[in-house]
Amino acid sequence: MKKFNEEHEWVSLDGDIATIGVSKYAVNQLGDITFVELPEIGDEVSAGDSVVFVESVKAASDVYSPLSGSVEEVNEALLDTPEILNEDPNANWILKIKITAKEEFDSLMDEASYEEYIKTL
């Protein structure tokens, strides 16, 4: 099950490992993504922290961590082919973190709530 935050990141949880990506809405707003700067393995992040930087043909933007924890893995394929986020942002993840508080995940929007949220923008 994926959950979403108001900054348009998605999260899926497997035990205490959260997989994080950007929503299709975010990619559509950014346009074609041309560059991704990833965090370092082991970096500690808090919910709401900027953890990834992306550039697109339209803008540059930060990706914010929806959860707190430590960076366990990054999708290194994005360094050479950042455009895979454009192809299917819901399938192509950016980073994985080992979370410290499951309550943060529980408080995120489910997909239906997120769809309603983006209608208000």
PDB file of N, CA and C in Angstrom:
ATOM      1  N   MET A   1       0.834  -1.173   0.000  1.00  0.00           N
ATOM      2  CA  MET A   1       0.000   0.000   0.000  1.00  0.00           C
ATOM      3  C   MET A   1       0.887   1.247   0.000  1.00  0.00           C
ATOM      4  N   LYS A   2       0.582   2.167  -0.907  1.00  0.00           N
ATOM      5  CA  LYS A   2       1.318   3.420  -0.973  1.00  0.00           C
ATOM      6  C   LYS A   2       0.561   4.488  -0.207  1.00  0.00           C
ATOM      7  N   LYS A   3       1.341   5.351   0.433  1.00  0.00           N
ATOM      8  CA  LYS A   3       0.790   6.533   1.077  1.00  0.00           C
ATOM      9  C   LYS A   3       1.521   7.739   0.512  1.00  0.00           C
ATOM     10  N   PHE A   4       0.927   8.918   0.688  1.00  0.00           N
ATOM     11  CA  PHE A   4       1.435  10.137   0.075  1.00  0.00           C
ATOM     12  C   PHE A   4       1.486  11.272   1.090  1.00  0.00           C
ATOM     13  N   ASN A   5       2.407  12.224   0.841  1.00  0.00           N
ATOM     14  CA  ASN A   5       2.422  13.440   1.654  1.00  0.00           C
ATOM     15  C   ASN A   5       1.994  14.625   0.793  1.00  0.00           C
ATOM     16  N   GLU A   6       1.859  15.793   1.405  1.00  0.00           N
ATOM     17  CA  GLU A   6       1.397  16.979   0.679  1.00  0.00           C
ATOM     18  C   GLU A   6       2.459  17.531  -0.263  1.00  0.00           C
ATOM     19  N   GLU A   7       3.701  17.073  -0.141  1.00  0.00           N
ATOM     20  CA  GLU A   7       4.765  17.519  -1.045  1.00  0.00           C
ATOM     21  C   GLU A   7       4.883  16.597  -2.257  1.00  0.00           C
ATOM     22  N   HIS A   8       3.961  15.647  -2.384  1.00  0.00           N
ATOM     23  CA  HIS A   8       3.828  14.779  -3.563  1.00  0.00           C
ATOM     24  C   HIS A   8       4.861  13.666  -3.647  1.00  0.00           C
ATOM     25  N   GLU A   9       5.299  13.191  -2.486  1.00  0.00           N
ATOM     26  CA  GLU A   9       6.117  11.995  -2.449  1.00  0.00           C
ATOM     27  C   GLU A   9       5.234  10.813  -2.049  1.00  0.00           C
ATOM     28  N   TRP A  10       5.570   9.634  -2.574  1.00  0.00           N
ATOM     29  CA  TRP A  10       4.870   8.414  -2.164  1.00  0.00           C
ATOM     30  C   TRP A  10       5.814   7.551  -1.340  1.00  0.00           C
ATOM     31  N   VAL A  11       5.198   6.708  -0.518  1.00  0.00           N
ATOM     32  CA  VAL A  11       5.949   5.805   0.356  1.00  0.00           C
ATOM     33  C   VAL A  11       5.254   4.458   0.383  1.00  0.00           C
ATOM     34  N   SER A  12       6.041   3.401   0.275  1.00  0.00           N
ATOM     35  CA  SER A  12       5.521   2.066   0.577  1.00  0.00           C
ATOM     36  C   SER A  12       6.413   1.518   1.684  1.00  0.00           C
ATOM     37  N   LEU A  13       5.819   0.712   2.549  1.00  0.00           N
ATOM     38  CA  LEU A  13       6.534   0.237   3.723  1.00  0.00           C
ATOM     39  C   LEU A  13       6.591  -1.284   3.720  1.00  0.00           C
ATOM     40  N   ASP A  14       7.790  -1.817   3.956  1.00  0.00           N
ATOM     41  CA  ASP A  14       7.999  -3.254   4.091  1.00  0.00           C
ATOM     42  C   ASP A  14       8.790  -3.446   5.379  1.00  0.00           C
ATOM     43  N   GLY A  15       8.087  -3.815   6.456  1.00  0.00           N
ATOM     44  CA  GLY A  15       8.726  -3.885   7.768  1.00  0.00           C
ATOM     45  C   GLY A  15       9.101  -2.489   8.209  1.00  0.00           C
ATOM     46  N   ASP A  16      10.397  -2.266   8.440  1.00  0.00           N
ATOM     47  CA  ASP A  16      10.827  -0.918   8.821  1.00  0.00           C
ATOM     48  C   ASP A  16      11.605  -0.227   7.694  1.00  0.00           C
ATOM     49  N   ILE A  17      11.477  -0.743   6.459  1.00  0.00           N
ATOM     50  CA  ILE A  17      12.122  -0.123   5.299  1.00  0.00           C
ATOM     51  C   ILE A  17      11.054   0.571   4.447  1.00  0.00           C
ATOM     52  N   ALA A  18      11.233   1.883   4.303  1.00  0.00           N
ATOM     53  CA  ALA A  18      10.320   2.690   3.499  1.00  0.00           C
ATOM     54  C   ALA A  18      10.956   2.975   2.153  1.00  0.00           C
ATOM     55  N   THR A  19      10.223   2.686   1.084  1.00  0.00           N
ATOM     56  CA  THR A  19      10.642   3.009  -0.270  1.00  0.00           C
ATOM     57  C   THR A  19       9.932   4.301  -0.653  1.00  0.00           C
ATOM     58  N   ILE A  20      10.695   5.277  -1.155  1.00  0.00           N
ATOM     59  CA  ILE A  20      10.159   6.620  -1.406  1.00  0.00           C
ATOM     60  C   ILE A  20      10.376   6.996  -2.866  1.00  0.00           C
ATOM     61  N   GLY A  21       9.354   7.604  -3.439  1.00  0.00           N
ATOM     62  CA  GLY A  21       9.433   8.119  -4.804  1.00  0.00           C
ATOM     63  C   GLY A  21       8.602   9.383  -4.919  1.00  0.00           C
ATOM     64  N   VAL A  22       8.477   9.894  -6.127  1.00  0.00           N
ATOM     65  CA  VAL A  22       7.659  11.084  -6.357  1.00  0.00           C
ATOM     66  C   VAL A  22       6.407  10.693  -7.130  1.00  0.00           C
ATOM     67  N   SER A  23       5.338  11.399  -6.873  1.00  0.00           N
ATOM     68  CA  SER A  23       4.059  11.066  -7.493  1.00  0.00           C
ATOM     69  C   SER A  23       4.016  11.492  -8.964  1.00  0.00           C
ATOM     70  N   LYS A  24       3.103  10.901  -9.681  1.00  0.00           N
ATOM     71  CA  LYS A  24       2.892  11.266 -11.079  1.00  0.00           C
ATOM     72  C   LYS A  24       2.521  12.739 -11.191  1.00  0.00           C
ATOM     73  N   TYR A  25       1.732  13.220 -10.249  1.00  0.00           N
ATOM     74  CA  TYR A  25       1.356  14.646 -10.238  1.00  0.00           C
ATOM     75  C   TYR A  25       2.610  15.519 -10.189  1.00  0.00           C
ATOM     76  N   ALA A  26       3.552  15.185  -9.294  1.00  0.00           N
ATOM     77  CA  ALA A  26       4.785  15.972  -9.158  1.00  0.00           C
ATOM     78  C   ALA A  26       5.579  15.964 -10.457  1.00  0.00           C
ATOM     79  N   VAL A  27       5.715  14.795 -11.065  1.00  0.00           N
ATOM     80  CA  VAL A  27       6.468  14.692 -12.318  1.00  0.00           C
ATOM     81  C   VAL A  27       5.793  15.511 -13.409  1.00  0.00           C
ATOM     82  N   ASN A  28       4.467  15.479 -13.464  1.00  0.00           N
ATOM     83  CA  ASN A  28       3.749  16.265 -14.466  1.00  0.00           C
ATOM     84  C   ASN A  28       3.972  17.760 -14.256  1.00  0.00           C
ATOM     85  N   GLN A  29       4.047  18.191 -12.996  1.00  0.00           N
ATOM     86  CA  GLN A  29       4.295  19.598 -12.696  1.00  0.00           C
ATOM     87  C   GLN A  29       5.723  20.003 -13.061  1.00  0.00           C
ATOM     88  N   LEU A  30       6.666  19.110 -12.835  1.00  0.00           N
ATOM     89  CA  LEU A  30       8.074  19.413 -13.111  1.00  0.00           C
ATOM     90  C   LEU A  30       8.414  19.374 -14.593  1.00  0.00           C
ATOM     91  N   GLY A  31       7.790  18.491 -15.330  1.00  0.00           N
ATOM     92  CA  GLY A  31       8.198  18.259 -16.710  1.00  0.00           C
ATOM     93  C   GLY A  31       9.309  17.217 -16.732  1.00  0.00           C
ATOM     94  N   ASP A  32       9.954  17.065 -17.860  1.00  0.00           N
ATOM     95  CA  ASP A  32      10.973  16.017 -18.022  1.00  0.00           C
ATOM     96  C   ASP A  32      12.131  16.219 -17.053  1.00  0.00           C
ATOM     97  N   ILE A  33      12.362  15.219 -16.214  1.00  0.00           N
ATOM     98  CA  ILE A  33      13.442  15.272 -15.231  1.00  0.00           C
ATOM     99  C   ILE A  33      14.759  14.965 -15.933  1.00  0.00           C
ATOM    100  N   THR A  34      15.753  15.835 -15.697  1.00  0.00           N
ATOM    101  CA  THR A  34      17.029  15.719 -16.398  1.00  0.00           C
ATOM    102  C   THR A  34      18.217  15.450 -15.471  1.00  0.00           C
ATOM    103  N   PHE A  35      18.031  15.600 -14.157  1.00  0.00           N
ATOM    104  CA  PHE A  35      19.134  15.435 -13.215  1.00  0.00           C
ATOM    105  C   PHE A  35      18.573  15.093 -11.841  1.00  0.00           C
ATOM    106  N   VAL A  36      19.233  14.176 -11.134  1.00  0.00           N
ATOM    107  CA  VAL A  36      18.846  13.816  -9.771  1.00  0.00           C
ATOM    108  C   VAL A  36      20.117  13.766  -8.916  1.00  0.00           C
ATOM    109  N   GLU A  37      20.071  14.458  -7.773  1.00  0.00           N
ATOM    110  CA  GLU A  37      21.165  14.393  -6.801  1.00  0.00           C
ATOM    111  C   GLU A  37      20.669  13.603  -5.599  1.00  0.00           C
ATOM    112  N   LEU A  38      21.328  12.486  -5.321  1.00  0.00           N
ATOM    113  CA  LEU A  38      20.883  11.563  -4.275  1.00  0.00           C
ATOM    114  C   LEU A  38      21.648  11.771  -2.966  1.00  0.00           C
ATOM    115  N   PRO A  39      21.039  11.380  -1.839  1.00  0.00           N
ATOM    116  CA  PRO A  39      21.750  11.470  -0.556  1.00  0.00           C
ATOM    117  C   PRO A  39      22.774  10.346  -0.414  1.00  0.00           C
ATOM    118  N   GLU A  40      23.552  10.411   0.643  1.00  0.00           N
ATOM    119  CA  GLU A  40      24.542   9.380   0.931  1.00  0.00           C
ATOM    120  C   GLU A  40      23.910   8.282   1.784  1.00  0.00           C
ATOM    121  N   ILE A  41      24.336   7.041   1.571  1.00  0.00           N
ATOM    122  CA  ILE A  41      23.920   5.930   2.421  1.00  0.00           C
ATOM    123  C   ILE A  41      24.338   6.263   3.859  1.00  0.00           C
ATOM    124  N   GLY A  42      23.436   6.048   4.799  1.00  0.00           N
ATOM    125  CA  GLY A  42      23.733   6.322   6.202  1.00  0.00           C
ATOM    126  C   GLY A  42      23.299   7.697   6.666  1.00  0.00           C
ATOM    127  N   ASP A  43      22.949   8.600   5.738  1.00  0.00           N
ATOM    128  CA  ASP A  43      22.463   9.926   6.144  1.00  0.00           C
ATOM    129  C   ASP A  43      21.223   9.777   7.019  1.00  0.00           C
ATOM    130  N   GLU A  44      21.174  10.525   8.101  1.00  0.00           N
ATOM    131  CA  GLU A  44      19.991  10.564   8.957  1.00  0.00           C
ATOM    132  C   GLU A  44      19.060  11.645   8.435  1.00  0.00           C
ATOM    133  N   VAL A  45      17.774  11.325   8.309  1.00  0.00           N
ATOM    134  CA  VAL A  45      16.799  12.294   7.815  1.00  0.00           C
ATOM    135  C   VAL A  45      15.608  12.348   8.767  1.00  0.00           C
ATOM    136  N   SER A  46      14.982  13.502   8.807  1.00  0.00           N
ATOM    137  CA  SER A  46      13.749  13.678   9.564  1.00  0.00           C
ATOM    138  C   SER A  46      12.625  13.941   8.584  1.00  0.00           C
ATOM    139  N   ALA A  47      11.420  13.584   8.971  1.00  0.00           N
ATOM    140  CA  ALA A  47      10.257  13.853   8.126  1.00  0.00           C
ATOM    141  C   ALA A  47      10.227  15.343   7.803  1.00  0.00           C
ATOM    142  N   GLY A  48      10.074  15.655   6.518  1.00  0.00           N
ATOM    143  CA  GLY A  48      10.040  17.041   6.077  1.00  0.00           C
ATOM    144  C   GLY A  48      11.379  17.571   5.592  1.00  0.00           C
ATOM    145  N   ASP A  49      12.469  16.831   5.831  1.00  0.00           N
ATOM    146  CA  ASP A  49      13.791  17.253   5.357  1.00  0.00           C
ATOM    147  C   ASP A  49      13.899  17.104   3.850  1.00  0.00           C
ATOM    148  N   SER A  50      14.608  18.020   3.216  1.00  0.00           N
ATOM    149  CA  SER A  50      14.960  17.871   1.813  1.00  0.00           C
ATOM    150  C   SER A  50      16.035  16.791   1.725  1.00  0.00           C
ATOM    151  N   VAL A  51      15.780  15.745   0.940  1.00  0.00           N
ATOM    152  CA  VAL A  51      16.740  14.636   0.849  1.00  0.00           C
ATOM    153  C   VAL A  51      17.279  14.401  -0.550  1.00  0.00           C
ATOM    154  N   VAL A  52      16.571  14.886  -1.542  1.00  0.00           N
ATOM    155  CA  VAL A  52      16.959  14.682  -2.933  1.00  0.00           C
ATOM    156  C   VAL A  52      16.701  15.986  -3.683  1.00  0.00           C
ATOM    157  N   PHE A  53      17.551  16.276  -4.661  1.00  0.00           N
ATOM    158  CA  PHE A  53      17.382  17.453  -5.510  1.00  0.00           C
ATOM    159  C   PHE A  53      17.169  16.965  -6.928  1.00  0.00           C
ATOM    160  N   VAL A  54      16.138  17.488  -7.597  1.00  0.00           N
ATOM    161  CA  VAL A  54      15.888  17.124  -8.992  1.00  0.00           C
ATOM    162  C   VAL A  54      15.816  18.375  -9.849  1.00  0.00           C
ATOM    163  N   GLU A  55      16.287  18.241 -11.078  1.00  0.00           N
ATOM    164  CA  GLU A  55      16.155  19.314 -12.055  1.00  0.00           C
ATOM    165  C   GLU A  55      15.362  18.770 -13.226  1.00  0.00           C
ATOM    166  N   SER A  56      14.562  19.657 -13.802  1.00  0.00           N
ATOM    167  CA  SER A  56      13.779  19.277 -14.970  1.00  0.00           C
ATOM    168  C   SER A  56      13.876  20.396 -16.001  1.00  0.00           C
ATOM    169  N   VAL A  57      13.233  20.185 -17.121  1.00  0.00           N
ATOM    170  CA  VAL A  57      13.245  21.212 -18.156  1.00  0.00           C
ATOM    171  C   VAL A  57      12.511  22.470 -17.696  1.00  0.00           C
ATOM    172  N   LYS A  58      11.613  22.345 -16.723  1.00  0.00           N
ATOM    173  CA  LYS A  58      10.838  23.485 -16.244  1.00  0.00           C
ATOM    174  C   LYS A  58      11.388  24.119 -14.975  1.00  0.00           C
ATOM    175  N   ALA A  59      11.935  23.307 -14.068  1.00  0.00           N
ATOM    176  CA  ALA A  59      12.273  23.820 -12.739  1.00  0.00           C
ATOM    177  C   ALA A  59      13.261  22.918 -12.030  1.00  0.00           C
ATOM    178  N   ALA A  60      13.741  23.427 -10.907  1.00  0.00           N
ATOM    179  CA  ALA A  60      14.537  22.619  -9.978  1.00  0.00           C
ATOM    180  C   ALA A  60      13.698  22.492  -8.711  1.00  0.00           C
ATOM    181  N   SER A  61      13.788  21.353  -8.065  1.00  0.00           N
ATOM    182  CA  SER A  61      12.936  21.124  -6.906  1.00  0.00           C
ATOM    183  C   SER A  61      13.598  20.166  -5.933  1.00  0.00           C
ATOM    184  N   ASP A  62      13.195  20.278  -4.678  1.00  0.00           N
ATOM    185  CA  ASP A  62      13.629  19.338  -3.661  1.00  0.00           C
ATOM    186  C   ASP A  62      12.594  18.234  -3.517  1.00  0.00           C
ATOM    187  N   VAL A  63      13.062  17.070  -3.122  1.00  0.00           N
ATOM    188  CA  VAL A  63      12.198  15.964  -2.729  1.00  0.00           C
ATOM    189  C   VAL A  63      12.368  15.843  -1.220  1.00  0.00           C
ATOM    190  N   TYR A  64      11.251  15.811  -0.511  1.00  0.00           N
ATOM    191  CA  TYR A  64      11.269  15.811   0.947  1.00  0.00           C
ATOM    192  C   TYR A  64      10.970  14.416   1.484  1.00  0.00           C
ATOM    193  N   SER A  65      11.664  14.057   2.543  1.00  0.00           N
ATOM    194  CA  SER A  65      11.416  12.759   3.148  1.00  0.00           C
ATOM    195  C   SER A  65      10.097  12.800   3.905  1.00  0.00           C
ATOM    196  N   PRO A  66       9.191  11.885   3.594  1.00  0.00           N
ATOM    197  CA  PRO A  66       7.934  11.838   4.322  1.00  0.00           C
ATOM    198  C   PRO A  66       8.088  11.218   5.716  1.00  0.00           C
ATOM    199  N   LEU A  67       9.229  10.545   5.950  1.00  0.00           N
ATOM    200  CA  LEU A  67       9.438   9.823   7.199  1.00  0.00           C
ATOM    201  C   LEU A  67      10.838  10.082   7.745  1.00  0.00           C
ATOM    202  N   SER A  68      11.026   9.801   9.018  1.00  0.00           N
ATOM    203  CA  SER A  68      12.338   9.932   9.656  1.00  0.00           C
ATOM    204  C   SER A  68      13.045   8.584   9.654  1.00  0.00           C
ATOM    205  N   GLY A  69      14.376   8.631   9.551  1.00  0.00           N
ATOM    206  CA  GLY A  69      15.159   7.412   9.591  1.00  0.00           C
ATOM    207  C   GLY A  69      16.528   7.617   8.993  1.00  0.00           C
ATOM    208  N   SER A  70      17.149   6.517   8.560  1.00  0.00           N
ATOM    209  CA  SER A  70      18.468   6.596   7.936  1.00  0.00           C
ATOM    210  C   SER A  70      18.404   6.017   6.530  1.00  0.00           C
ATOM    211  N   VAL A  71      19.135   6.652   5.623  1.00  0.00           N
ATOM    212  CA  VAL A  71      19.149   6.225   4.225  1.00  0.00           C
ATOM    213  C   VAL A  71      19.849   4.872   4.133  1.00  0.00           C
ATOM    214  N   GLU A  72      19.121   3.885   3.612  1.00  0.00           N
ATOM    215  CA  GLU A  72      19.644   2.525   3.472  1.00  0.00           C
ATOM    216  C   GLU A  72      20.096   2.217   2.052  1.00  0.00           C
ATOM    217  N   GLU A  73      19.423   2.826   1.077  1.00  0.00           N
ATOM    218  CA  GLU A  73      19.709   2.512  -0.326  1.00  0.00           C
ATOM    219  C   GLU A  73      19.231   3.676  -1.187  1.00  0.00           C
ATOM    220  N   VAL A  74      19.924   3.913  -2.292  1.00  0.00           N
ATOM    221  CA  VAL A  74      19.488   4.908  -3.269  1.00  0.00           C
ATOM    222  C   VAL A  74      19.410   4.232  -4.630  1.00  0.00           C
ATOM    223  N   ASN A  75      18.548   4.750  -5.483  1.00  0.00           N
ATOM    224  CA  ASN A  75      18.385   4.187  -6.820  1.00  0.00           C
ATOM    225  C   ASN A  75      19.443   4.817  -7.732  1.00  0.00           C
ATOM    226  N   GLU A  76      20.614   4.178  -7.787  1.00  0.00           N
ATOM    227  CA  GLU A  76      21.744   4.727  -8.537  1.00  0.00           C
ATOM    228  C   GLU A  76      21.486   4.808 -10.036  1.00  0.00           C
ATOM    229  N   ALA A  77      20.506   4.073 -10.542  1.00  0.00           N
ATOM    230  CA  ALA A  77      20.169   4.164 -11.965  1.00  0.00           C
ATOM    231  C   ALA A  77      19.740   5.579 -12.329  1.00  0.00           C
ATOM    232  N   LEU A  78      19.214   6.326 -11.350  1.00  0.00           N
ATOM    233  CA  LEU A  78      18.758   7.693 -11.609  1.00  0.00           C
ATOM    234  C   LEU A  78      19.910   8.637 -11.944  1.00  0.00           C
ATOM    235  N   LEU A  79      21.113   8.297 -11.517  1.00  0.00           N
ATOM    236  CA  LEU A  79      22.260   9.159 -11.800  1.00  0.00           C
ATOM    237  C   LEU A  79      22.554   9.220 -13.295  1.00  0.00           C
ATOM    238  N   ASP A  80      22.417   8.089 -13.966  1.00  0.00           N
ATOM    239  CA  ASP A  80      22.675   8.026 -15.405  1.00  0.00           C
ATOM    240  C   ASP A  80      21.417   8.199 -16.246  1.00  0.00           C
ATOM    241  N   THR A  81      20.276   7.782 -15.696  1.00  0.00           N
ATOM    242  CA  THR A  81      19.024   7.850 -16.468  1.00  0.00           C
ATOM    243  C   THR A  81      17.891   8.425 -15.614  1.00  0.00           C
ATOM    244  N   PRO A  82      17.989   9.710 -15.246  1.00  0.00           N
ATOM    245  CA  PRO A  82      16.945  10.311 -14.404  1.00  0.00           C
ATOM    246  C   PRO A  82      15.574  10.318 -15.075  1.00  0.00           C
ATOM    247  N   GLU A  83      15.564  10.204 -16.400  1.00  0.00           N
ATOM    248  CA  GLU A  83      14.304  10.245 -17.135  1.00  0.00           C
ATOM    249  C   GLU A  83      13.402   9.046 -16.850  1.00  0.00           C
ATOM    250  N   ILE A  84      13.923   7.990 -16.188  1.00  0.00           N
ATOM    251  CA  ILE A  84      13.041   6.869 -15.872  1.00  0.00           C
ATOM    252  C   ILE A  84      11.934   7.304 -14.901  1.00  0.00           C
ATOM    253  N   LEU A  85      12.167   8.377 -14.147  1.00  0.00           N
ATOM    254  CA  LEU A  85      11.096   8.893 -13.283  1.00  0.00           C
ATOM    255  C   LEU A  85       9.937   9.425 -14.115  1.00  0.00           C
ATOM    256  N   ASN A  86      10.225   9.959 -15.296  1.00  0.00           N
ATOM    257  CA  ASN A  86       9.163  10.473 -16.165  1.00  0.00           C
ATOM    258  C   ASN A  86       8.310   9.339 -16.718  1.00  0.00           C
ATOM    259  N   GLU A  87       8.961   8.206 -16.988  1.00  0.00           N
ATOM    260  CA  GLU A  87       8.273   7.088 -17.634  1.00  0.00           C
ATOM    261  C   GLU A  87       7.224   6.471 -16.727  1.00  0.00           C
ATOM    262  N   ASP A  88       7.563   6.243 -15.471  1.00  0.00           N
ATOM    263  CA  ASP A  88       6.599   5.675 -14.526  1.00  0.00           C
ATOM    264  C   ASP A  88       7.022   6.031 -13.101  1.00  0.00           C
ATOM    265  N   PRO A  89       6.650   7.239 -12.652  1.00  0.00           N
ATOM    266  CA  PRO A  89       7.079   7.670 -11.319  1.00  0.00           C
ATOM    267  C   PRO A  89       6.545   6.801 -10.189  1.00  0.00           C
ATOM    268  N   ASN A  90       5.439   6.119 -10.410  1.00  0.00           N
ATOM    269  CA  ASN A  90       4.888   5.265  -9.353  1.00  0.00           C
ATOM    270  C   ASN A  90       5.632   3.938  -9.224  1.00  0.00           C
ATOM    271  N   ALA A  91       6.395   3.569 -10.238  1.00  0.00           N
ATOM    272  CA  ALA A  91       7.149   2.319 -10.189  1.00  0.00           C
ATOM    273  C   ALA A  91       8.631   2.546  -9.902  1.00  0.00           C
ATOM    274  N   ASN A  92       9.133   3.728 -10.226  1.00  0.00           N
ATOM    275  CA  ASN A  92      10.564   4.008 -10.064  1.00  0.00           C
ATOM    276  C   ASN A  92      10.799   4.783  -8.780  1.00  0.00           C
ATOM    277  N   TRP A  93      11.424   4.118  -7.837  1.00  0.00           N
ATOM    278  CA  TRP A  93      11.692   4.697  -6.527  1.00  0.00           C
ATOM    279  C   TRP A  93      12.977   5.508  -6.557  1.00  0.00           C
ATOM    280  N   ILE A  94      13.163   6.342  -5.513  1.00  0.00           N
ATOM    281  CA  ILE A  94      14.351   7.192  -5.428  1.00  0.00           C
ATOM    282  C   ILE A  94      15.285   6.734  -4.316  1.00  0.00           C
ATOM    283  N   LEU A  95      14.730   6.478  -3.141  1.00  0.00           N
ATOM    284  CA  LEU A  95      15.565   6.040  -2.024  1.00  0.00           C
ATOM    285  C   LEU A  95      14.773   5.171  -1.076  1.00  0.00           C
ATOM    286  N   LYS A  96      15.512   4.468  -0.226  1.00  0.00           N
ATOM    287  CA  LYS A  96      14.907   3.643   0.815  1.00  0.00           C
ATOM    288  C   LYS A  96      15.520   4.064   2.138  1.00  0.00           C
ATOM    289  N   ILE A  97      14.661   4.199   3.141  1.00  0.00           N
ATOM    290  CA  ILE A  97      15.159   4.535   4.469  1.00  0.00           C
ATOM    291  C   ILE A  97      14.651   3.529   5.495  1.00  0.00           C
ATOM    292  N   LYS A  98      15.467   3.325   6.513  1.00  0.00           N
ATOM    293  CA  LYS A  98      15.045   2.521   7.659  1.00  0.00           C
ATOM    294  C   LYS A  98      14.377   3.502   8.614  1.00  0.00           C
ATOM    295  N   ILE A  99      13.072   3.323   8.807  1.00  0.00           N
ATOM    296  CA  ILE A  99      12.316   4.313   9.568  1.00  0.00           C
ATOM    297  C   ILE A  99      12.500   4.141  11.071  1.00  0.00           C
ATOM    298  N   THR A 100      12.253   5.226  11.778  1.00  0.00           N
ATOM    299  CA  THR A 100      12.353   5.216  13.239  1.00  0.00           C
ATOM    300  C   THR A 100      10.989   5.337  13.909  1.00  0.00           C
ATOM    301  N   ALA A 101       9.947   5.741  13.143  1.00  0.00           N
ATOM    302  CA  ALA A 101       8.625   5.929  13.749  1.00  0.00           C
ATOM    303  C   ALA A 101       7.526   5.544  12.765  1.00  0.00           C
ATOM    304  N   LYS A 102       6.915   4.376  12.957  1.00  0.00           N
ATOM    305  CA  LYS A 102       5.848   3.927  12.055  1.00  0.00           C
ATOM    306  C   LYS A 102       4.641   4.853  12.106  1.00  0.00           C
ATOM    307  N   GLU A 103       4.468   5.574  13.214  1.00  0.00           N
ATOM    308  CA  GLU A 103       3.332   6.499  13.333  1.00  0.00           C
ATOM    309  C   GLU A 103       3.354   7.540  12.208  1.00  0.00           C
ATOM    310  N   GLU A 104       4.549   7.921  11.776  1.00  0.00           N
ATOM    311  CA  GLU A 104       4.647   8.896  10.681  1.00  0.00           C
ATOM    312  C   GLU A 104       4.013   8.323   9.415  1.00  0.00           C
ATOM    313  N   PHE A 105       4.260   7.058   9.137  1.00  0.00           N
ATOM    314  CA  PHE A 105       3.663   6.417   7.959  1.00  0.00           C
ATOM    315  C   PHE A 105       2.145   6.375   8.098  1.00  0.00           C
ATOM    316  N   ASP A 106       1.677   6.010   9.277  1.00  0.00           N
ATOM    317  CA  ASP A 106       0.241   5.895   9.509  1.00  0.00           C
ATOM    318  C   ASP A 106      -0.482   7.218   9.288  1.00  0.00           C
ATOM    319  N   SER A 107       0.221   8.347   9.494  1.00  0.00           N
ATOM    320  CA  SER A 107      -0.424   9.658   9.383  1.00  0.00           C
ATOM    321  C   SER A 107      -0.464  10.200   7.952  1.00  0.00           C
ATOM    322  N   LEU A 108       0.180   9.521   7.004  1.00  0.00           N
ATOM    323  CA  LEU A 108       0.173   9.977   5.618  1.00  0.00           C
ATOM    324  C   LEU A 108      -1.162   9.655   4.946  1.00  0.00           C
ATOM    325  N   MET A 109      -1.416  10.323   3.804  1.00  0.00           N
ATOM    326  CA  MET A 109      -2.662  10.116   3.059  1.00  0.00           C
ATOM    327  C   MET A 109      -2.635   8.811   2.273  1.00  0.00           C
ATOM    328  N   ASP A 110      -3.777   8.117   2.256  1.00  0.00           N
ATOM    329  CA  ASP A 110      -3.884   6.970   1.355  1.00  0.00           C
ATOM    330  C   ASP A 110      -4.107   7.507  -0.062  1.00  0.00           C
ATOM    331  N   GLU A 111      -4.122   6.625  -1.037  1.00  0.00           N
ATOM    332  CA  GLU A 111      -4.206   7.068  -2.430  1.00  0.00           C
ATOM    333  C   GLU A 111      -5.480   7.850  -2.726  1.00  0.00           C
ATOM    334  N   ALA A 112      -6.606   7.404  -2.198  1.00  0.00           N
ATOM    335  CA  ALA A 112      -7.872   8.105  -2.437  1.00  0.00           C
ATOM    336  C   ALA A 112      -7.837   9.515  -1.839  1.00  0.00           C
ATOM    337  N   SER A 113      -7.314   9.643  -0.634  1.00  0.00           N
ATOM    338  CA  SER A 113      -7.207  10.963  -0.001  1.00  0.00           C
ATOM    339  C   SER A 113      -6.258  11.867  -0.785  1.00  0.00           C
ATOM    340  N   TYR A 114      -5.169  11.295  -1.275  1.00  0.00           N
ATOM    341  CA  TYR A 114      -4.211  12.068  -2.063  1.00  0.00           C
ATOM    342  C   TYR A 114      -4.859  12.563  -3.361  1.00  0.00           C
ATOM    343  N   GLU A 115      -5.608  11.706  -4.026  1.00  0.00           N
ATOM    344  CA  GLU A 115      -6.296  12.108  -5.256  1.00  0.00           C
ATOM    345  C   GLU A 115      -7.243  13.267  -4.984  1.00  0.00           C
ATOM    346  N   GLU A 116      -7.943  13.228  -3.872  1.00  0.00           N
ATOM    347  CA  GLU A 116      -8.827  14.338  -3.490  1.00  0.00           C
ATOM    348  C   GLU A 116      -8.017  15.592  -3.197  1.00  0.00           C
ATOM    349  N   TYR A 117      -6.882  15.421  -2.534  1.00  0.00           N
ATOM    350  CA  TYR A 117      -6.021  16.552  -2.189  1.00  0.00           C
ATOM    351  C   TYR A 117      -5.536  17.282  -3.447  1.00  0.00           C
ATOM    352  N   ILE A 118      -5.059  16.543  -4.451  1.00  0.00           N
ATOM    353  CA  ILE A 118      -4.523  17.221  -5.634  1.00  0.00           C
ATOM    354  C   ILE A 118      -5.611  17.908  -6.461  1.00  0.00           C
ATOM    355  N   LYS A 119      -6.850  17.512  -6.293  1.00  0.00           N
ATOM    356  CA  LYS A 119      -7.942  18.203  -6.970  1.00  0.00           C
ATOM    357  C   LYS A 119      -8.117  19.622  -6.438  1.00  0.00           C
ATOM    358  N   THR A 120      -7.637  19.869  -5.217  1.00  0.00           N
ATOM    359  CA  THR A 120      -7.789  21.188  -4.602  1.00  0.00           C
ATOM    360  C   THR A 120      -6.661  22.156  -5.000  1.00  0.00           C
ATOM    361  N   LEU A 121      -5.669  21.665  -5.715  1.00  0.00           N
ATOM    362  CA  LEU A 121      -4.517  22.503  -6.045  1.00  0.00           C
ATOM    363  C   LEU A 121      -4.701  23.293  -7.311  1.00  0.00           C
TER     364      LEU A 121
END
